[in-house]
Every structure is written in C-alpha cells, then in structure tokens.
Amino acid sequence: MVRVPRRVRVRAVLGGASIVVAAAIALSGCTGDPAPAPTPKPAKTSALTGLLPSYPAKFTAASAKAETVAAADNIQGLVAKVDILFVDDHAELVPATKSAASYYGVLRTINVAPALDPLEQAEAMERILVAAGWTERDSANQKGKYLAALTSNPTGSRAWFLLVGGDSTKPKSPVVTIQLASPDLVASK
C-alpha cells in the first residue's frame, strides 16, 4: 500500500466492484433460490489512471503533445489544489539538433504553500507514480532538495522520461517540480 502524507491528495475512483459489494451486503438477509452471481466487469479506471502516458499507434508531434500535457496535468493533480500558490508552466516541441531528435517537453515549477513539505510531497508523488507503472531510475535527497528520475516504459524508444522534485531551501517559497519529456519524434522516411 502506498503511504501518502496527510496533505497529499490522491483522487479516488469508485469502481463497479464497490457497487456490487454494497449491493451484496444490503441483500445478504434475503433468501430465495440461489442463482449464480453475475461477474462484475473490472473497473476501467482507477485513481492511477492517466498518470502513465501511453504510446499511441501513430506517434506524431500532435500526439506527443497531447499525451505529454495530459500526463503532466494528471501528475500535477497529485498536489492538492489548496496547496498550489502558482504554477510556472512551459511546454514546447523541442527541435531536433545534429545529435538529438526532437521531442515534446513540459516543465512545471509549482510554488506551494509554506506549510507543505515539498520533499515529502515529491517523495509521495514518486511512490504513487511507481504504483501507477512508472519505473524509478534514481532518486536523491540532499540538503533540502529531492529529485527522482522515472521512465514510463522499459523500452527506451517508447518511454517518457520524468523528473519529479521538491525544493525546501527557501522555506517561505517551497516548490515542487515536474519535468516530462516525450519519446523522440523520429522523422518519417
């Protein structure tokens, strides 16, 4: 089970299985011919849905932007809105160079309320992201700064790269950071 600090909000989703359990409890006193219980359909969404981008069948600049921005929005959603004071958001298609392909990147610096510990927030976000399917590559917690590197897929050519960080070195202005890069956009030949 993922341990989440008190002030970190994780959105909960009520699945169809919960409704079946509630109905079974309500009807437990009823008698009659035993009939086979219908098999509940598995829930298609959970609190972790949307945190892990998916590689589309046709990977273009537009689909890279859509998946990257949507994932960044959902990851930012792990920070309670009441704790967010300001978000500095930069998203762009980074052009190719001689040595690197182009990709879509998002950088968000989230100024949070001084009462929120940004290091605990970033660590909790990392644990939730790992539970959602991200793979932790490295993390460090030194001198009031926390940084975790994660990838979305073990196949490097289809993986998003994510850095989640927290910085408490300025106690009156703590920040949480999200840096997300799409897989490389390879030109069609």
N, C-alpha and C. Protein backbone atom coordinates (compact mmCIF):
# COMPACT_ATOMS: atom_id res chain seq x y z
N MET A 1 0.85 -1.18 0.00
CA MET A 1 0.00 0.00 0.00
C MET A 1 0.89 1.23 0.00
N VAL A 2 0.56 2.22 -0.78
CA VAL A 2 1.31 3.45 -0.90
C VAL A 2 1.00 4.34 0.30
N ARG A 3 2.02 4.76 1.02
CA ARG A 3 1.82 5.66 2.16
C ARG A 3 1.93 7.08 1.64
N VAL A 4 0.93 7.87 1.92
CA VAL A 4 0.85 9.23 1.41
C VAL A 4 0.75 10.19 2.60
N PRO A 5 1.60 11.24 2.63
CA PRO A 5 1.50 12.21 3.72
C PRO A 5 0.10 12.80 3.79
N ARG A 6 -0.23 13.31 4.97
CA ARG A 6 -1.55 13.81 5.29
C ARG A 6 -2.07 14.82 4.29
N ARG A 7 -1.25 15.69 3.78
CA ARG A 7 -1.73 16.78 2.94
C ARG A 7 -1.70 16.46 1.45
N VAL A 8 -1.25 15.26 1.09
CA VAL A 8 -1.21 14.90 -0.32
C VAL A 8 -2.55 14.30 -0.71
N ARG A 9 -3.14 14.84 -1.75
CA ARG A 9 -4.45 14.37 -2.19
C ARG A 9 -4.26 13.36 -3.31
N VAL A 10 -4.92 12.25 -3.13
CA VAL A 10 -4.97 11.26 -4.20
C VAL A 10 -6.43 11.09 -4.57
N ARG A 11 -6.73 11.33 -5.82
CA ARG A 11 -8.11 11.19 -6.26
C ARG A 11 -8.55 9.74 -6.18
N ALA A 12 -9.73 9.53 -5.62
CA ALA A 12 -10.27 8.18 -5.50
C ALA A 12 -11.36 7.98 -6.54
N VAL A 13 -11.44 6.81 -7.07
CA VAL A 13 -12.45 6.48 -8.05
C VAL A 13 -13.24 5.30 -7.52
N LEU A 14 -14.57 5.44 -7.51
CA LEU A 14 -15.44 4.37 -7.05
C LEU A 14 -15.70 3.46 -8.22
N GLY A 15 -15.23 2.23 -8.13
CA GLY A 15 -15.37 1.28 -9.23
C GLY A 15 -16.66 0.49 -9.12
N GLY A 16 -16.97 -0.21 -10.18
CA GLY A 16 -18.17 -1.03 -10.23
C GLY A 16 -18.14 -2.13 -9.18
N ALA A 17 -16.95 -2.61 -8.82
CA ALA A 17 -16.85 -3.67 -7.82
C ALA A 17 -17.38 -3.19 -6.47
N SER A 18 -17.18 -1.93 -6.14
CA SER A 18 -17.67 -1.40 -4.86
C SER A 18 -19.19 -1.42 -4.82
N ILE A 19 -19.83 -1.15 -5.94
CA ILE A 19 -21.29 -1.16 -6.01
C ILE A 19 -21.80 -2.58 -5.80
N VAL A 20 -21.13 -3.55 -6.41
CA VAL A 20 -21.52 -4.95 -6.26
C VAL A 20 -21.40 -5.38 -4.81
N VAL A 21 -20.31 -5.01 -4.14
CA VAL A 21 -20.12 -5.35 -2.74
C VAL A 21 -21.20 -4.71 -1.87
N ALA A 22 -21.51 -3.43 -2.13
CA ALA A 22 -22.54 -2.75 -1.34
C ALA A 22 -23.90 -3.41 -1.54
N ALA A 23 -24.22 -3.79 -2.77
CA ALA A 23 -25.49 -4.46 -3.04
C ALA A 23 -25.54 -5.82 -2.35
N ALA A 24 -24.43 -6.55 -2.36
CA ALA A 24 -24.39 -7.87 -1.71
C ALA A 24 -24.61 -7.75 -0.21
N ILE A 25 -24.03 -6.73 0.39
CA ILE A 25 -24.21 -6.52 1.83
C ILE A 25 -25.65 -6.16 2.13
N ALA A 26 -26.25 -5.30 1.30
CA ALA A 26 -27.63 -4.87 1.52
C ALA A 26 -28.61 -6.03 1.36
N LEU A 27 -28.31 -6.95 0.46
CA LEU A 27 -29.22 -8.05 0.18
C LEU A 27 -28.86 -9.34 0.93
N SER A 28 -27.91 -9.29 1.82
CA SER A 28 -27.43 -10.51 2.48
C SER A 28 -28.51 -11.19 3.33
N GLY A 29 -29.53 -10.48 3.75
CA GLY A 29 -30.58 -11.09 4.55
C GLY A 29 -31.67 -11.72 3.71
N CYS A 30 -31.66 -11.55 2.40
CA CYS A 30 -32.69 -12.09 1.53
C CYS A 30 -32.47 -13.58 1.32
N THR A 31 -33.57 -14.33 1.17
CA THR A 31 -33.48 -15.75 0.87
C THR A 31 -34.18 -16.02 -0.43
N GLY A 32 -33.96 -17.14 -0.99
CA GLY A 32 -34.58 -17.49 -2.25
C GLY A 32 -33.71 -18.50 -2.96
N ASP A 33 -34.06 -18.76 -4.20
CA ASP A 33 -33.28 -19.72 -4.97
C ASP A 33 -31.89 -19.14 -5.21
N PRO A 34 -30.89 -19.94 -4.91
CA PRO A 34 -29.55 -19.44 -5.20
C PRO A 34 -29.34 -19.35 -6.71
N ALA A 35 -28.93 -18.21 -7.14
CA ALA A 35 -28.64 -18.00 -8.55
C ALA A 35 -27.19 -17.59 -8.66
N PRO A 36 -26.55 -17.97 -9.73
CA PRO A 36 -25.16 -17.57 -9.86
C PRO A 36 -25.05 -16.04 -9.92
N ALA A 37 -24.10 -15.53 -9.15
CA ALA A 37 -23.89 -14.08 -9.12
C ALA A 37 -23.26 -13.65 -10.43
N PRO A 38 -23.73 -12.53 -10.97
CA PRO A 38 -23.09 -12.04 -12.20
C PRO A 38 -21.65 -11.63 -11.91
N THR A 39 -20.81 -11.86 -12.88
CA THR A 39 -19.41 -11.48 -12.72
C THR A 39 -19.28 -9.99 -12.98
N PRO A 40 -18.81 -9.24 -11.97
CA PRO A 40 -18.68 -7.79 -12.20
C PRO A 40 -17.58 -7.53 -13.23
N LYS A 41 -17.84 -6.53 -14.07
CA LYS A 41 -16.83 -6.13 -15.04
C LYS A 41 -15.73 -5.39 -14.29
N PRO A 42 -14.47 -5.64 -14.65
CA PRO A 42 -13.40 -4.92 -13.97
C PRO A 42 -13.49 -3.43 -14.25
N ALA A 43 -13.15 -2.65 -13.25
CA ALA A 43 -13.17 -1.20 -13.41
C ALA A 43 -12.12 -0.80 -14.43
N LYS A 44 -12.49 0.10 -15.34
CA LYS A 44 -11.57 0.53 -16.38
C LYS A 44 -10.75 1.74 -15.93
N THR A 45 -11.12 2.33 -14.82
CA THR A 45 -10.38 3.47 -14.32
C THR A 45 -10.04 3.25 -12.86
N SER A 46 -9.02 3.93 -12.44
CA SER A 46 -8.64 3.91 -11.03
C SER A 46 -8.03 5.26 -10.72
N ALA A 47 -7.64 5.43 -9.49
CA ALA A 47 -7.01 6.69 -9.09
C ALA A 47 -5.68 6.88 -9.81
N LEU A 48 -5.11 5.81 -10.34
CA LEU A 48 -3.81 5.89 -11.00
C LEU A 48 -3.91 6.09 -12.52
N THR A 49 -5.13 5.94 -13.06
CA THR A 49 -5.32 6.10 -14.50
C THR A 49 -4.93 7.51 -14.92
N GLY A 50 -4.21 7.60 -15.99
CA GLY A 50 -3.81 8.91 -16.52
C GLY A 50 -2.45 9.37 -16.06
N LEU A 51 -1.89 8.72 -15.05
CA LEU A 51 -0.57 9.12 -14.58
C LEU A 51 0.54 8.58 -15.47
N LEU A 52 0.24 7.54 -16.22
CA LEU A 52 1.23 6.91 -17.09
C LEU A 52 0.80 7.14 -18.54
N PRO A 53 1.59 7.88 -19.32
CA PRO A 53 1.21 8.12 -20.71
C PRO A 53 1.28 6.82 -21.51
N SER A 54 0.47 6.74 -22.56
CA SER A 54 0.52 5.56 -23.41
C SER A 54 1.01 5.96 -24.80
N TYR A 55 1.78 5.10 -25.38
CA TYR A 55 2.36 5.35 -26.70
C TYR A 55 1.29 5.06 -27.75
N PRO A 56 0.87 6.07 -28.52
CA PRO A 56 -0.20 5.87 -29.50
C PRO A 56 0.28 5.08 -30.72
N ALA A 57 -0.67 4.54 -31.47
CA ALA A 57 -0.34 3.78 -32.67
C ALA A 57 0.42 4.64 -33.67
N LYS A 58 0.01 5.89 -33.80
CA LYS A 58 0.72 6.82 -34.68
C LYS A 58 1.30 7.92 -33.81
N PHE A 59 2.61 7.92 -33.66
CA PHE A 59 3.27 8.87 -32.78
C PHE A 59 3.75 10.07 -33.60
N THR A 60 3.07 11.19 -33.41
CA THR A 60 3.37 12.43 -34.13
C THR A 60 3.63 13.54 -33.11
N ALA A 61 3.99 14.70 -33.60
CA ALA A 61 4.18 15.84 -32.70
C ALA A 61 2.89 16.15 -31.95
N ALA A 62 1.75 16.05 -32.65
CA ALA A 62 0.46 16.34 -32.01
C ALA A 62 0.13 15.31 -30.94
N SER A 63 0.35 14.03 -31.23
CA SER A 63 0.03 13.00 -30.22
C SER A 63 1.03 13.06 -29.06
N ALA A 64 2.28 13.40 -29.35
CA ALA A 64 3.27 13.55 -28.27
C ALA A 64 2.86 14.69 -27.35
N LYS A 65 2.42 15.79 -27.93
CA LYS A 65 1.96 16.93 -27.13
C LYS A 65 0.76 16.53 -26.28
N ALA A 66 -0.23 15.90 -26.90
CA ALA A 66 -1.45 15.53 -26.18
C ALA A 66 -1.14 14.61 -25.00
N GLU A 67 -0.35 13.56 -25.22
CA GLU A 67 -0.03 12.61 -24.15
C GLU A 67 0.83 13.24 -23.06
N THR A 68 1.80 14.04 -23.46
CA THR A 68 2.73 14.64 -22.50
C THR A 68 2.02 15.67 -21.62
N VAL A 69 1.22 16.54 -22.23
CA VAL A 69 0.49 17.55 -21.45
C VAL A 69 -0.54 16.89 -20.54
N ALA A 70 -1.27 15.89 -21.05
CA ALA A 70 -2.27 15.20 -20.23
C ALA A 70 -1.62 14.51 -19.03
N ALA A 71 -0.49 13.84 -19.27
CA ALA A 71 0.21 13.19 -18.16
C ALA A 71 0.72 14.22 -17.15
N ALA A 72 1.27 15.32 -17.63
CA ALA A 72 1.76 16.37 -16.72
C ALA A 72 0.61 16.95 -15.89
N ASP A 73 -0.55 17.15 -16.53
CA ASP A 73 -1.72 17.65 -15.80
C ASP A 73 -2.12 16.68 -14.69
N ASN A 74 -2.15 15.38 -15.02
CA ASN A 74 -2.54 14.38 -14.03
C ASN A 74 -1.52 14.24 -12.91
N ILE A 75 -0.25 14.35 -13.26
CA ILE A 75 0.80 14.28 -12.23
C ILE A 75 0.71 15.51 -11.32
N GLN A 76 0.48 16.68 -11.91
CA GLN A 76 0.30 17.89 -11.10
C GLN A 76 -0.91 17.74 -10.18
N GLY A 77 -1.91 16.99 -10.62
CA GLY A 77 -3.10 16.74 -9.81
C GLY A 77 -2.82 16.01 -8.52
N LEU A 78 -1.62 15.45 -8.36
CA LEU A 78 -1.25 14.80 -7.10
C LEU A 78 -0.96 15.82 -6.01
N VAL A 79 -0.80 17.08 -6.39
CA VAL A 79 -0.61 18.16 -5.42
C VAL A 79 -1.98 18.77 -5.16
N ALA A 80 -2.40 18.83 -3.91
CA ALA A 80 -3.71 19.38 -3.57
C ALA A 80 -3.81 20.83 -4.07
N LYS A 81 -4.92 21.14 -4.72
CA LYS A 81 -5.11 22.48 -5.28
C LYS A 81 -4.99 23.57 -4.22
N VAL A 82 -5.42 23.27 -3.00
CA VAL A 82 -5.35 24.29 -1.94
C VAL A 82 -3.91 24.63 -1.57
N ASP A 83 -2.97 23.73 -1.89
CA ASP A 83 -1.56 23.97 -1.57
C ASP A 83 -0.80 24.66 -2.70
N ILE A 84 -1.42 24.78 -3.86
CA ILE A 84 -0.75 25.39 -5.01
C ILE A 84 -0.99 26.89 -4.99
N LEU A 85 0.13 27.64 -4.95
CA LEU A 85 0.05 29.10 -4.98
C LEU A 85 0.20 29.64 -6.40
N PHE A 86 1.09 29.00 -7.18
CA PHE A 86 1.36 29.47 -8.55
C PHE A 86 2.02 28.34 -9.32
N VAL A 87 1.71 28.24 -10.61
CA VAL A 87 2.34 27.25 -11.48
C VAL A 87 2.99 27.98 -12.65
N ASP A 88 4.30 27.81 -12.78
CA ASP A 88 5.04 28.33 -13.92
C ASP A 88 5.14 27.17 -14.91
N ASP A 89 4.39 27.25 -16.00
CA ASP A 89 4.25 26.14 -16.94
C ASP A 89 4.91 26.47 -18.28
N HIS A 90 5.82 25.61 -18.70
CA HIS A 90 6.45 25.74 -20.00
C HIS A 90 6.31 24.41 -20.73
N ALA A 91 5.69 24.45 -21.89
CA ALA A 91 5.52 23.25 -22.70
C ALA A 91 5.85 23.61 -24.14
N GLU A 92 6.66 22.75 -24.78
CA GLU A 92 7.03 23.06 -26.15
C GLU A 92 7.58 21.84 -26.87
N LEU A 93 7.52 21.93 -28.19
CA LEU A 93 8.16 20.95 -29.04
C LEU A 93 9.62 21.38 -29.15
N VAL A 94 10.50 20.56 -28.65
CA VAL A 94 11.93 20.88 -28.68
C VAL A 94 12.47 20.41 -30.03
N PRO A 95 13.06 21.32 -30.80
CA PRO A 95 13.51 20.94 -32.14
C PRO A 95 14.71 19.98 -32.10
N ALA A 96 14.84 19.23 -33.17
CA ALA A 96 15.96 18.30 -33.30
C ALA A 96 17.26 19.09 -33.48
N THR A 97 18.33 18.47 -33.07
CA THR A 97 19.67 19.02 -33.28
C THR A 97 20.46 18.00 -34.10
N LYS A 98 21.72 18.27 -34.34
CA LYS A 98 22.56 17.31 -35.08
C LYS A 98 22.71 16.00 -34.31
N SER A 99 22.65 16.07 -32.99
CA SER A 99 22.91 14.87 -32.19
C SER A 99 21.68 14.31 -31.47
N ALA A 100 20.53 14.99 -31.57
CA ALA A 100 19.34 14.51 -30.85
C ALA A 100 18.06 14.79 -31.66
N ALA A 101 17.13 13.86 -31.56
CA ALA A 101 15.83 14.02 -32.23
C ALA A 101 14.98 15.02 -31.46
N SER A 102 13.92 15.49 -32.09
CA SER A 102 13.01 16.39 -31.39
C SER A 102 12.11 15.59 -30.44
N TYR A 103 11.54 16.27 -29.47
CA TYR A 103 10.62 15.65 -28.50
C TYR A 103 9.73 16.74 -27.95
N TYR A 104 8.66 16.34 -27.26
CA TYR A 104 7.79 17.31 -26.63
C TYR A 104 8.11 17.33 -25.14
N GLY A 105 8.32 18.51 -24.58
CA GLY A 105 8.69 18.62 -23.17
C GLY A 105 7.79 19.55 -22.39
N VAL A 106 7.61 19.22 -21.12
CA VAL A 106 6.84 20.05 -20.19
C VAL A 106 7.70 20.28 -18.96
N LEU A 107 7.79 21.52 -18.55
CA LEU A 107 8.48 21.88 -17.30
C LEU A 107 7.51 22.69 -16.47
N ARG A 108 7.22 22.21 -15.27
CA ARG A 108 6.33 22.95 -14.37
C ARG A 108 7.02 23.13 -13.02
N THR A 109 7.06 24.39 -12.61
CA THR A 109 7.54 24.72 -11.27
C THR A 109 6.30 25.16 -10.50
N ILE A 110 5.99 24.41 -9.45
CA ILE A 110 4.76 24.65 -8.69
C ILE A 110 5.14 25.24 -7.33
N ASN A 111 4.83 26.53 -7.15
CA ASN A 111 5.04 27.15 -5.85
C ASN A 111 3.93 26.68 -4.93
N VAL A 112 4.32 26.11 -3.80
CA VAL A 112 3.33 25.55 -2.88
C VAL A 112 3.32 26.33 -1.56
N ALA A 113 2.26 26.12 -0.81
CA ALA A 113 2.11 26.79 0.49
C ALA A 113 3.28 26.42 1.40
N PRO A 114 3.78 27.38 2.19
CA PRO A 114 4.91 27.10 3.07
C PRO A 114 4.65 25.97 4.07
N ALA A 115 3.39 25.70 4.39
CA ALA A 115 3.07 24.62 5.33
C ALA A 115 3.27 23.23 4.71
N LEU A 116 3.31 23.15 3.38
CA LEU A 116 3.50 21.86 2.70
C LEU A 116 4.99 21.57 2.58
N ASP A 117 5.41 20.40 3.00
CA ASP A 117 6.80 19.98 2.86
C ASP A 117 6.99 19.48 1.42
N PRO A 118 7.71 20.23 0.58
CA PRO A 118 7.85 19.83 -0.83
C PRO A 118 8.64 18.53 -1.01
N LEU A 119 9.51 18.21 -0.06
CA LEU A 119 10.27 16.96 -0.16
C LEU A 119 9.36 15.76 0.07
N GLU A 120 8.53 15.84 1.10
CA GLU A 120 7.56 14.78 1.35
C GLU A 120 6.58 14.66 0.19
N GLN A 121 6.16 15.80 -0.35
CA GLN A 121 5.24 15.80 -1.48
C GLN A 121 5.86 15.09 -2.67
N ALA A 122 7.09 15.44 -3.02
CA ALA A 122 7.76 14.83 -4.18
C ALA A 122 7.98 13.34 -3.95
N GLU A 123 8.37 12.95 -2.75
CA GLU A 123 8.58 11.53 -2.45
C GLU A 123 7.27 10.76 -2.55
N ALA A 124 6.19 11.34 -2.05
CA ALA A 124 4.88 10.69 -2.13
C ALA A 124 4.44 10.58 -3.59
N MET A 125 4.67 11.62 -4.38
CA MET A 125 4.34 11.56 -5.79
C MET A 125 5.11 10.45 -6.48
N GLU A 126 6.38 10.31 -6.15
CA GLU A 126 7.20 9.25 -6.73
C GLU A 126 6.61 7.87 -6.41
N ARG A 127 6.24 7.64 -5.15
CA ARG A 127 5.66 6.34 -4.76
C ARG A 127 4.36 6.07 -5.52
N ILE A 128 3.54 7.09 -5.67
CA ILE A 128 2.27 6.92 -6.40
C ILE A 128 2.55 6.64 -7.87
N LEU A 129 3.51 7.34 -8.46
CA LEU A 129 3.84 7.13 -9.86
C LEU A 129 4.39 5.73 -10.10
N VAL A 130 5.20 5.23 -9.20
CA VAL A 130 5.71 3.86 -9.30
C VAL A 130 4.54 2.87 -9.23
N ALA A 131 3.60 3.12 -8.34
CA ALA A 131 2.41 2.27 -8.24
C ALA A 131 1.58 2.32 -9.52
N ALA A 132 1.65 3.44 -10.25
CA ALA A 132 0.90 3.59 -11.50
C ALA A 132 1.61 2.94 -12.69
N GLY A 133 2.85 2.50 -12.49
CA GLY A 133 3.56 1.81 -13.56
C GLY A 133 4.87 2.45 -14.00
N TRP A 134 5.20 3.61 -13.46
CA TRP A 134 6.49 4.23 -13.78
C TRP A 134 7.61 3.40 -13.15
N THR A 135 8.80 3.46 -13.73
CA THR A 135 9.97 2.77 -13.19
C THR A 135 10.93 3.81 -12.64
N GLU A 136 11.29 3.66 -11.37
CA GLU A 136 12.25 4.59 -10.77
C GLU A 136 13.64 4.22 -11.26
N ARG A 137 14.36 5.21 -11.76
CA ARG A 137 15.73 5.01 -12.22
C ARG A 137 16.74 5.47 -11.18
N ASP A 138 16.39 6.54 -10.46
CA ASP A 138 17.31 7.07 -9.45
C ASP A 138 16.55 8.10 -8.62
N SER A 139 17.02 8.32 -7.40
CA SER A 139 16.47 9.40 -6.57
C SER A 139 17.54 9.86 -5.61
N ALA A 140 17.41 11.10 -5.18
CA ALA A 140 18.37 11.67 -4.23
C ALA A 140 17.66 12.68 -3.35
N ASN A 141 18.06 12.72 -2.10
CA ASN A 141 17.51 13.67 -1.13
C ASN A 141 18.69 14.26 -0.37
N GLN A 142 19.08 15.47 -0.77
CA GLN A 142 20.24 16.10 -0.16
C GLN A 142 20.01 17.59 0.05
N LYS A 143 20.33 18.04 1.23
CA LYS A 143 20.36 19.47 1.55
C LYS A 143 19.11 20.22 1.13
N GLY A 144 17.95 19.69 1.49
CA GLY A 144 16.70 20.38 1.22
C GLY A 144 16.18 20.25 -0.20
N LYS A 145 16.74 19.31 -0.95
CA LYS A 145 16.28 19.08 -2.32
C LYS A 145 16.09 17.60 -2.54
N TYR A 146 14.99 17.26 -3.22
CA TYR A 146 14.70 15.87 -3.56
C TYR A 146 14.46 15.79 -5.05
N LEU A 147 15.00 14.76 -5.68
CA LEU A 147 14.82 14.59 -7.11
C LEU A 147 14.71 13.10 -7.41
N ALA A 148 13.70 12.72 -8.18
CA ALA A 148 13.52 11.33 -8.61
C ALA A 148 13.41 11.29 -10.13
N ALA A 149 14.14 10.36 -10.74
CA ALA A 149 14.10 10.14 -12.18
C ALA A 149 13.32 8.86 -12.45
N LEU A 150 12.34 8.96 -13.35
CA LEU A 150 11.49 7.81 -13.67
C LEU A 150 11.32 7.69 -15.18
N THR A 151 11.03 6.47 -15.65
CA THR A 151 10.69 6.25 -17.04
C THR A 151 9.36 5.51 -17.11
N SER A 152 8.65 5.73 -18.21
CA SER A 152 7.31 5.17 -18.34
C SER A 152 7.30 3.77 -18.93
N ASN A 153 8.39 3.35 -19.54
CA ASN A 153 8.39 2.10 -20.28
C ASN A 153 9.82 1.56 -20.31
N PRO A 154 10.00 0.26 -20.13
CA PRO A 154 11.35 -0.29 -20.18
C PRO A 154 11.97 -0.18 -21.57
N THR A 155 11.14 -0.04 -22.61
CA THR A 155 11.66 0.13 -23.97
C THR A 155 12.00 1.59 -24.16
N GLY A 156 13.27 1.90 -24.20
CA GLY A 156 13.72 3.29 -24.25
C GLY A 156 13.15 4.12 -25.37
N SER A 157 12.94 3.54 -26.55
CA SER A 157 12.45 4.31 -27.68
C SER A 157 10.99 4.71 -27.54
N ARG A 158 10.27 4.09 -26.61
CA ARG A 158 8.85 4.42 -26.40
C ARG A 158 8.60 4.97 -25.00
N ALA A 159 9.63 5.39 -24.34
CA ALA A 159 9.50 5.81 -22.94
C ALA A 159 9.47 7.33 -22.79
N TRP A 160 8.58 7.77 -21.90
CA TRP A 160 8.62 9.15 -21.43
C TRP A 160 9.61 9.19 -20.29
N PHE A 161 10.29 10.30 -20.13
CA PHE A 161 11.25 10.49 -19.05
C PHE A 161 10.70 11.56 -18.12
N LEU A 162 10.71 11.30 -16.82
CA LEU A 162 10.11 12.21 -15.84
C LEU A 162 11.07 12.48 -14.70
N LEU A 163 11.19 13.74 -14.35
CA LEU A 163 11.88 14.15 -13.13
C LEU A 163 10.85 14.81 -12.23
N VAL A 164 10.73 14.32 -11.00
CA VAL A 164 9.85 14.92 -10.00
C VAL A 164 10.76 15.41 -8.89
N GLY A 165 10.59 16.65 -8.49
CA GLY A 165 11.47 17.21 -7.47
C GLY A 165 10.75 18.05 -6.45
N GLY A 166 11.43 18.27 -5.35
CA GLY A 166 10.96 19.16 -4.31
C GLY A 166 12.15 19.97 -3.80
N ASP A 167 11.91 21.23 -3.50
CA ASP A 167 12.99 22.11 -3.03
C ASP A 167 12.48 22.93 -1.85
N SER A 168 13.10 22.71 -0.69
CA SER A 168 12.70 23.44 0.51
C SER A 168 13.81 24.40 0.97
N THR A 169 14.76 24.71 0.10
CA THR A 169 15.87 25.57 0.51
C THR A 169 15.45 27.00 0.79
N LYS A 170 14.31 27.41 0.26
CA LYS A 170 13.74 28.73 0.57
C LYS A 170 12.43 28.46 1.29
N PRO A 171 12.45 28.40 2.63
CA PRO A 171 11.27 27.98 3.40
C PRO A 171 10.01 28.79 3.13
N LYS A 172 10.13 30.04 2.77
CA LYS A 172 8.94 30.86 2.50
C LYS A 172 8.42 30.67 1.08
N SER A 173 9.18 29.96 0.25
CA SER A 173 8.78 29.76 -1.15
C SER A 173 9.17 28.36 -1.63
N PRO A 174 8.60 27.31 -1.00
CA PRO A 174 8.94 25.95 -1.43
C PRO A 174 8.32 25.63 -2.79
N VAL A 175 8.99 24.75 -3.54
CA VAL A 175 8.49 24.38 -4.85
C VAL A 175 8.52 22.86 -5.06
N VAL A 176 7.63 22.42 -5.92
CA VAL A 176 7.61 21.06 -6.44
C VAL A 176 7.78 21.21 -7.95
N THR A 177 8.62 20.36 -8.56
CA THR A 177 8.85 20.47 -9.99
C THR A 177 8.48 19.18 -10.71
N ILE A 178 8.01 19.37 -11.93
CA ILE A 178 7.69 18.26 -12.82
C ILE A 178 8.37 18.57 -14.15
N GLN A 179 9.23 17.67 -14.60
CA GLN A 179 9.86 17.80 -15.90
C GLN A 179 9.57 16.51 -16.66
N LEU A 180 8.85 16.63 -17.76
CA LEU A 180 8.40 15.46 -18.50
C LEU A 180 8.78 15.61 -19.97
N ALA A 181 9.44 14.58 -20.52
CA ALA A 181 9.85 14.59 -21.92
C ALA A 181 9.28 13.37 -22.62
N SER A 182 8.72 13.60 -23.81
CA SER A 182 8.16 12.50 -24.60
C SER A 182 9.29 11.68 -25.21
N PRO A 183 8.92 10.51 -25.76
CA PRO A 183 9.92 9.79 -26.56
C PRO A 183 10.31 10.64 -27.77
N ASP A 184 11.45 10.32 -28.35
CA ASP A 184 11.91 11.06 -29.52
C ASP A 184 10.92 10.95 -30.68
N LEU A 185 10.75 12.06 -31.36
CA LEU A 185 9.95 12.07 -32.59
C LEU A 185 10.91 11.82 -33.75
N VAL A 186 10.77 10.69 -34.38
CA VAL A 186 11.66 10.31 -35.46
C VAL A 186 10.99 10.68 -36.79
N ALA A 187 11.71 11.38 -37.61
CA ALA A 187 11.16 11.82 -38.90
C ALA A 187 10.84 10.61 -39.78
N SER A 188 9.73 10.70 -40.50
CA SER A 188 9.34 9.62 -41.42
C SER A 188 10.27 9.64 -42.63
N LYS A 189 10.61 8.45 -43.12
CA LYS A 189 11.49 8.37 -44.29
C LYS A 189 10.72 7.89 -45.48
